[in-house]
Amino acid sequence: MGANIEQLARRVFAAYPAGDRAALEEILADDFHFTSPYDDAIDRDEYFRRCWPNHERMRAIKLHRVLVDGDTAFVTYELDLKDGRTVHNAEVLQFRGDRLAQVFVHFGAEHDAKGKFVAMKKPG
């Protein structure tokens, strides 16, 4: 099952820079929930309303690690934004069979186009 979970996790991340919402919808469970420092277990509909539009800001996602433990994938990656910034994040993806049931996002450091550290701004 580990190889399948890794492939599913990679498909989730590939959907964003490709703008392929249909691929993501196919993987997300009907009762999917998403948690990040800005989102408290939002449901699938709210996730697509609030989070999916961010794909337009993305140029590329470089996965550094996809570690699988049972039905869970731990992913670290570098997100290259179209404005030249780079963000380092980690996510825990919990699957139920071949569907993604929950995501927990942990934000990391952000750097500008010249590689200089940029302090994160609090929302609001």
Foldseek 3Di string as FASTA:
>chain_A
DQVLLLVLVVQCQVCLLVVNVVSQVVAADQAAFEAEPVDDRDGPVVCCVPPNVCSVQFNDKAWDDWDDDPQKTKTWIWTQTPQQKIWTKIKIWGHDVRHTRYIYIYTDWMAGNVRHTDDDDDDD
